[in-house]
Amino acid sequence: EGRAEEAAEKSDKARQLQRRVLVGIAIGVGAGGVVVAGGWVFTAAMTAVVLAGAREYFGLVRGTASGGSTPPPRYVSRVCSAICALMPILTLCYGRMDVPLTLSAFIIAISLVLQRGNPRFAQLTSSVFGLFYCGYLPSFWVKLRCGLAAPALNTSMSIKFSLYFFACHLSLAIHLSV
């Protein structure tokens, strides 16, 4: 009876590992295709990731605000998330993020100063950090990918680049699983 439970548990763990590996490969191939495609495909995917990340960040800030710290108001979190989602698109279109980032930080600071009640420094720092971490840094990746001379999806070089990319990730996954 004890051995049967151990064998069932071991086979269940093996199935879970197999499922995780297959999901990881599928995500890796999909993300690799997005990276190789570049341009608007990469920017749209990065925008979706940025929006999800910004909402997660501000949810984390709101959830961990205890012990006297006050999270930013919901409208500031939502505006900041929307600005973060626009940053990759603006980077692809204009190539620079210095003025939009400064203007966005100014808008966030003014909205915090004009809120009801006393504005807190923690609200400002968490909002500007979210703007930088969830908006500016991913925009830098858009600038790197769309500004590099990596092959686009419709070139003959893309097949070689994709195979090399896949082989590198496969060898890394095998190396890490050992």
C-alpha atoms as a PDB file:
ATOM      1  CA  GLU A   1       0.000   0.000   0.000  1.00  0.00           C
ATOM      2  CA  GLY A   2       2.819   2.438   0.886  1.00  0.00           C
ATOM      3  CA  ARG A   3       4.770   1.552  -2.239  1.00  0.00           C
ATOM      4  CA  ALA A   4       1.739   2.114  -4.460  1.00  0.00           C
ATOM      5  CA  GLU A   5       1.265   5.609  -3.036  1.00  0.00           C
ATOM      6  CA  GLU A   6       4.956   6.383  -3.539  1.00  0.00           C
ATOM      7  CA  ALA A   7       4.826   5.132  -7.133  1.00  0.00           C
ATOM      8  CA  ALA A   8       1.673   7.153  -7.836  1.00  0.00           C
ATOM      9  CA  GLU A   9       3.257  10.253  -6.305  1.00  0.00           C
ATOM     10  CA  LYS A  10       6.448   9.738  -8.323  1.00  0.00           C
ATOM     11  CA  SER A  11       4.543   9.328 -11.611  1.00  0.00           C
ATOM     12  CA  ASP A  12       2.458  12.412 -10.780  1.00  0.00           C
ATOM     13  CA  LYS A  13       5.634  14.429 -10.225  1.00  0.00           C
ATOM     14  CA  ALA A  14       7.039  13.139 -13.522  1.00  0.00           C
ATOM     15  CA  ARG A  15       3.856  14.209 -15.342  1.00  0.00           C
ATOM     16  CA  GLN A  16       4.009  17.636 -13.702  1.00  0.00           C
ATOM     17  CA  LEU A  17       7.646  18.037 -14.759  1.00  0.00           C
ATOM     18  CA  GLN A  18       6.824  16.980 -18.302  1.00  0.00           C
ATOM     19  CA  ARG A  19       3.932  19.451 -18.430  1.00  0.00           C
ATOM     20  CA  ARG A  20       6.137  22.261 -17.093  1.00  0.00           C
ATOM     21  CA  VAL A  21       8.833  21.540 -19.667  1.00  0.00           C
ATOM     22  CA  LEU A  22       6.313  21.520 -22.518  1.00  0.00           C
ATOM     23  CA  VAL A  23       4.702  24.772 -21.352  1.00  0.00           C
ATOM     24  CA  GLY A  24       8.152  26.336 -20.971  1.00  0.00           C
ATOM     25  CA  ILE A  25       9.130  25.302 -24.497  1.00  0.00           C
ATOM     26  CA  ALA A  26       5.849  26.653 -25.901  1.00  0.00           C
ATOM     27  CA  ILE A  27       6.298  29.976 -24.122  1.00  0.00           C
ATOM     28  CA  GLY A  28       9.933  30.144 -25.234  1.00  0.00           C
ATOM     29  CA  VAL A  29       9.090  29.459 -28.872  1.00  0.00           C
ATOM     30  CA  GLY A  30       6.257  32.011 -28.801  1.00  0.00           C
ATOM     31  CA  ALA A  31       8.408  34.654 -27.150  1.00  0.00           C
ATOM     32  CA  GLY A  32      11.264  33.862 -29.514  1.00  0.00           C
ATOM     33  CA  GLY A  33       8.944  34.368 -32.477  1.00  0.00           C
ATOM     34  CA  VAL A  34       7.839  37.717 -31.090  1.00  0.00           C
ATOM     35  CA  VAL A  35      11.443  38.805 -30.573  1.00  0.00           C
ATOM     36  CA  VAL A  36      12.471  37.691 -34.040  1.00  0.00           C
ATOM     37  CA  ALA A  37       9.471  39.418 -35.619  1.00  0.00           C
ATOM     38  CA  GLY A  38      10.424  42.757 -34.038  1.00  0.00           C
ATOM     39  CA  GLY A  39       8.702  45.998 -35.018  1.00  0.00           C
ATOM     40  CA  TRP A  40       5.030  46.356 -34.191  1.00  0.00           C
ATOM     41  CA  VAL A  41       4.658  42.709 -33.140  1.00  0.00           C
ATOM     42  CA  PHE A  42       7.365  43.065 -30.491  1.00  0.00           C
ATOM     43  CA  THR A  43       6.043  46.457 -29.404  1.00  0.00           C
ATOM     44  CA  ALA A  44       2.465  45.192 -29.066  1.00  0.00           C
ATOM     45  CA  ALA A  45       3.616  42.203 -27.026  1.00  0.00           C
ATOM     46  CA  MET A  46       5.796  44.435 -24.855  1.00  0.00           C
ATOM     47  CA  THR A  47       2.869  46.827 -24.358  1.00  0.00           C
ATOM     48  CA  ALA A  48       0.666  43.981 -23.135  1.00  0.00           C
ATOM     49  CA  VAL A  49       3.393  42.770 -20.778  1.00  0.00           C
ATOM     50  CA  VAL A  50       3.983  46.326 -19.509  1.00  0.00           C
ATOM     51  CA  LEU A  51       0.293  46.887 -18.813  1.00  0.00           C
ATOM     52  CA  ALA A  52       0.020  43.594 -16.919  1.00  0.00           C
ATOM     53  CA  GLY A  53       3.249  44.341 -15.038  1.00  0.00           C
ATOM     54  CA  ALA A  54       2.190  47.873 -14.094  1.00  0.00           C
ATOM     55  CA  ARG A  55      -1.174  46.677 -12.809  1.00  0.00           C
ATOM     56  CA  GLU A  56       0.582  43.942 -10.833  1.00  0.00           C
ATOM     57  CA  TYR A  57       3.098  46.437  -9.420  1.00  0.00           C
ATOM     58  CA  PHE A  58       0.448  48.890  -8.246  1.00  0.00           C
ATOM     59  CA  GLY A  59      -1.609  46.019  -6.832  1.00  0.00           C
ATOM     60  CA  LEU A  60       1.461  44.950  -4.888  1.00  0.00           C
ATOM     61  CA  VAL A  61       2.011  48.512  -3.647  1.00  0.00           C
ATOM     62  CA  ARG A  62      -1.619  48.727  -2.567  1.00  0.00           C
ATOM     63  CA  GLY A  63      -1.546  45.307  -0.919  1.00  0.00           C
ATOM     64  CA  THR A  64       1.641  45.869   1.059  1.00  0.00           C
ATOM     65  CA  ALA A  65       0.750  49.385   2.247  1.00  0.00           C
ATOM     66  CA  SER A  66       0.449  48.824   5.957  1.00  0.00           C
ATOM     67  CA  GLY A  67       2.033  50.227   9.047  1.00  0.00           C
ATOM     68  CA  GLY A  68       1.321  53.859   8.285  1.00  0.00           C
ATOM     69  CA  SER A  69       2.341  54.004   4.633  1.00  0.00           C
ATOM     70  CA  THR A  70      -0.305  55.241   2.232  1.00  0.00           C
ATOM     71  CA  PRO A  71      -0.508  53.856  -1.320  1.00  0.00           C
ATOM     72  CA  PRO A  72      -1.159  56.195  -4.222  1.00  0.00           C
ATOM     73  CA  PRO A  73      -4.835  56.772  -5.032  1.00  0.00           C
ATOM     74  CA  ARG A  74      -6.432  54.407  -7.526  1.00  0.00           C
ATOM     75  CA  TYR A  75      -6.757  57.033 -10.240  1.00  0.00           C
ATOM     76  CA  VAL A  76      -3.017  57.770 -10.015  1.00  0.00           C
ATOM     77  CA  SER A  77      -2.234  54.062 -10.281  1.00  0.00           C
ATOM     78  CA  ARG A  78      -4.497  53.719 -13.318  1.00  0.00           C
ATOM     79  CA  VAL A  79      -3.096  56.814 -15.036  1.00  0.00           C
ATOM     80  CA  CYS A  80       0.429  55.613 -14.356  1.00  0.00           C
ATOM     81  CA  SER A  81      -0.401  52.164 -15.765  1.00  0.00           C
ATOM     82  CA  ALA A  82      -1.861  53.756 -18.908  1.00  0.00           C
ATOM     83  CA  ILE A  83       1.215  55.960 -19.332  1.00  0.00           C
ATOM     84  CA  CYS A  84       3.454  52.912 -18.873  1.00  0.00           C
ATOM     85  CA  ALA A  85       1.508  51.067 -21.577  1.00  0.00           C
ATOM     86  CA  LEU A  86       1.908  53.995 -23.985  1.00  0.00           C
ATOM     87  CA  MET A  87       5.666  54.288 -23.500  1.00  0.00           C
ATOM     88  CA  PRO A  88       6.700  51.321 -25.719  1.00  0.00           C
ATOM     89  CA  ILE A  89       4.481  52.618 -28.527  1.00  0.00           C
ATOM     90  CA  LEU A  90       5.909  56.130 -28.203  1.00  0.00           C
ATOM     91  CA  THR A  91       9.409  54.689 -28.206  1.00  0.00           C
ATOM     92  CA  LEU A  92       8.777  52.828 -31.437  1.00  0.00           C
ATOM     93  CA  CYS A  93       7.262  55.912 -33.077  1.00  0.00           C
ATOM     94  CA  TYR A  94       9.638  58.606 -31.809  1.00  0.00           C
ATOM     95  CA  GLY A  95      12.700  56.723 -30.594  1.00  0.00           C
ATOM     96  CA  ARG A  96      13.278  58.849 -27.487  1.00  0.00           C
ATOM     97  CA  MET A  97      11.708  58.709 -24.060  1.00  0.00           C
ATOM     98  CA  ASP A  98      13.380  61.526 -22.141  1.00  0.00           C
ATOM     99  CA  VAL A  99      10.668  64.190 -22.558  1.00  0.00           C
ATOM    100  CA  PRO A 100       7.633  61.850 -22.247  1.00  0.00           C
ATOM    101  CA  LEU A 101       9.087  60.304 -19.076  1.00  0.00           C
ATOM    102  CA  THR A 102       9.735  63.701 -17.515  1.00  0.00           C
ATOM    103  CA  LEU A 103       6.292  64.966 -18.495  1.00  0.00           C
ATOM    104  CA  SER A 104       4.664  61.810 -17.131  1.00  0.00           C
ATOM    105  CA  ALA A 105       6.480  62.124 -13.811  1.00  0.00           C
ATOM    106  CA  PHE A 106       5.387  65.768 -13.631  1.00  0.00           C
ATOM    107  CA  ILE A 107       1.749  64.825 -14.309  1.00  0.00           C
ATOM    108  CA  ILE A 108       1.870  62.137 -11.619  1.00  0.00           C
ATOM    109  CA  ALA A 109       3.459  64.538  -9.107  1.00  0.00           C
ATOM    110  CA  ILE A 110       0.906  67.290  -9.812  1.00  0.00           C
ATOM    111  CA  SER A 111      -2.008  64.853  -9.508  1.00  0.00           C
ATOM    112  CA  LEU A 112      -0.650  63.692  -6.136  1.00  0.00           C
ATOM    113  CA  VAL A 113      -0.213  67.269  -4.906  1.00  0.00           C
ATOM    114  CA  LEU A 114      -3.759  68.197  -5.964  1.00  0.00           C
ATOM    115  CA  GLN A 115      -5.417  65.198  -4.304  1.00  0.00           C
ATOM    116  CA  ARG A 116      -7.678  65.540  -1.286  1.00  0.00           C
ATOM    117  CA  GLY A 117      -5.818  65.235   1.972  1.00  0.00           C
ATOM    118  CA  ASN A 118      -2.123  65.442   2.570  1.00  0.00           C
ATOM    119  CA  PRO A 119       0.112  63.980  -0.123  1.00  0.00           C
ATOM    120  CA  ARG A 120       2.713  61.544   1.168  1.00  0.00           C
ATOM    121  CA  PHE A 121       6.258  61.185  -0.064  1.00  0.00           C
ATOM    122  CA  ALA A 122       5.782  57.401  -0.209  1.00  0.00           C
ATOM    123  CA  GLN A 123       2.962  57.900  -2.729  1.00  0.00           C
ATOM    124  CA  LEU A 124       5.220  59.965  -4.972  1.00  0.00           C
ATOM    125  CA  THR A 125       8.174  57.604  -4.757  1.00  0.00           C
ATOM    126  CA  SER A 126       6.141  54.462  -5.420  1.00  0.00           C
ATOM    127  CA  SER A 127       4.370  56.111  -8.373  1.00  0.00           C
ATOM    128  CA  VAL A 128       7.551  57.462  -9.985  1.00  0.00           C
ATOM    129  CA  PHE A 129       9.357  54.167  -9.352  1.00  0.00           C
ATOM    130  CA  GLY A 130       6.473  52.321 -11.028  1.00  0.00           C
ATOM    131  CA  LEU A 131       6.645  54.722 -13.948  1.00  0.00           C
ATOM    132  CA  PHE A 132      10.354  54.113 -14.327  1.00  0.00           C
ATOM    133  CA  TYR A 133      10.371  50.375 -13.622  1.00  0.00           C
ATOM    134  CA  CYS A 134       7.206  49.417 -15.518  1.00  0.00           C
ATOM    135  CA  GLY A 135       7.344  52.019 -18.292  1.00  0.00           C
ATOM    136  CA  TYR A 136      10.784  53.353 -19.059  1.00  0.00           C
ATOM    137  CA  LEU A 137      12.831  50.162 -18.733  1.00  0.00           C
ATOM    138  CA  PRO A 138      10.624  48.075 -21.065  1.00  0.00           C
ATOM    139  CA  SER A 139      10.694  50.975 -23.521  1.00  0.00           C
ATOM    140  CA  PHE A 140      14.449  50.658 -23.523  1.00  0.00           C
ATOM    141  CA  TRP A 141      14.054  47.030 -24.652  1.00  0.00           C
ATOM    142  CA  VAL A 142      11.775  48.182 -27.468  1.00  0.00           C
ATOM    143  CA  LYS A 143      14.400  50.717 -28.486  1.00  0.00           C
ATOM    144  CA  LEU A 144      17.113  48.057 -28.411  1.00  0.00           C
ATOM    145  CA  ARG A 145      15.143  45.463 -30.384  1.00  0.00           C
ATOM    146  CA  CYS A 146      13.664  47.778 -32.970  1.00  0.00           C
ATOM    147  CA  GLY A 147      16.880  49.740 -33.425  1.00  0.00           C
ATOM    148  CA  LEU A 148      19.186  46.753 -33.869  1.00  0.00           C
ATOM    149  CA  ALA A 149      20.060  45.150 -37.162  1.00  0.00           C
ATOM    150  CA  ALA A 150      18.628  41.753 -36.143  1.00  0.00           C
ATOM    151  CA  PRO A 151      16.847  40.085 -39.031  1.00  0.00           C
ATOM    152  CA  ALA A 152      13.148  40.657 -39.550  1.00  0.00           C
ATOM    153  CA  LEU A 153      10.692  37.831 -40.000  1.00  0.00           C
ATOM    154  CA  ASN A 154      10.510  38.050 -43.780  1.00  0.00           C
ATOM    155  CA  THR A 155      14.254  37.660 -44.509  1.00  0.00           C
ATOM    156  CA  SER A 156      16.205  34.531 -45.329  1.00  0.00           C
ATOM    157  CA  MET A 157      18.477  35.220 -42.377  1.00  0.00           C
ATOM    158  CA  SER A 158      15.550  34.904 -39.970  1.00  0.00           C
ATOM    159  CA  ILE A 159      15.459  31.105 -40.239  1.00  0.00           C
ATOM    160  CA  LYS A 160      19.120  30.807 -39.287  1.00  0.00           C
ATOM    161  CA  PHE A 161      18.676  33.367 -36.514  1.00  0.00           C
ATOM    162  CA  SER A 162      15.602  31.522 -35.189  1.00  0.00           C
ATOM    163  CA  LEU A 163      17.371  28.163 -35.193  1.00  0.00           C
ATOM    164  CA  TYR A 164      20.381  29.648 -33.420  1.00  0.00           C
ATOM    165  CA  PHE A 165      18.104  31.346 -30.876  1.00  0.00           C
ATOM    166  CA  PHE A 166      16.201  28.107 -30.255  1.00  0.00           C
ATOM    167  CA  ALA A 167      19.408  26.041 -29.995  1.00  0.00           C
ATOM    168  CA  CYS A 168      20.890  28.449 -27.451  1.00  0.00           C
ATOM    169  CA  HIS A 169      17.765  28.335 -25.293  1.00  0.00           C
ATOM    170  CA  LEU A 170      17.486  24.568 -25.576  1.00  0.00           C
ATOM    171  CA  SER A 171      21.102  24.085 -24.525  1.00  0.00           C
ATOM    172  CA  LEU A 172      20.573  26.502 -21.619  1.00  0.00           C
ATOM    173  CA  ALA A 173      17.441  24.618 -20.519  1.00  0.00           C
ATOM    174  CA  ILE A 174      19.262  21.290 -20.701  1.00  0.00           C
ATOM    175  CA  HIS A 175      22.208  22.725 -18.786  1.00  0.00           C
ATOM    176  CA  LEU A 176      19.945  24.115 -16.041  1.00  0.00           C
ATOM    177  CA  SER A 177      17.904  20.932 -15.686  1.00  0.00           C
ATOM    178  CA  VAL A 178      20.972  18.766 -15.020  1.00  0.00           C
END
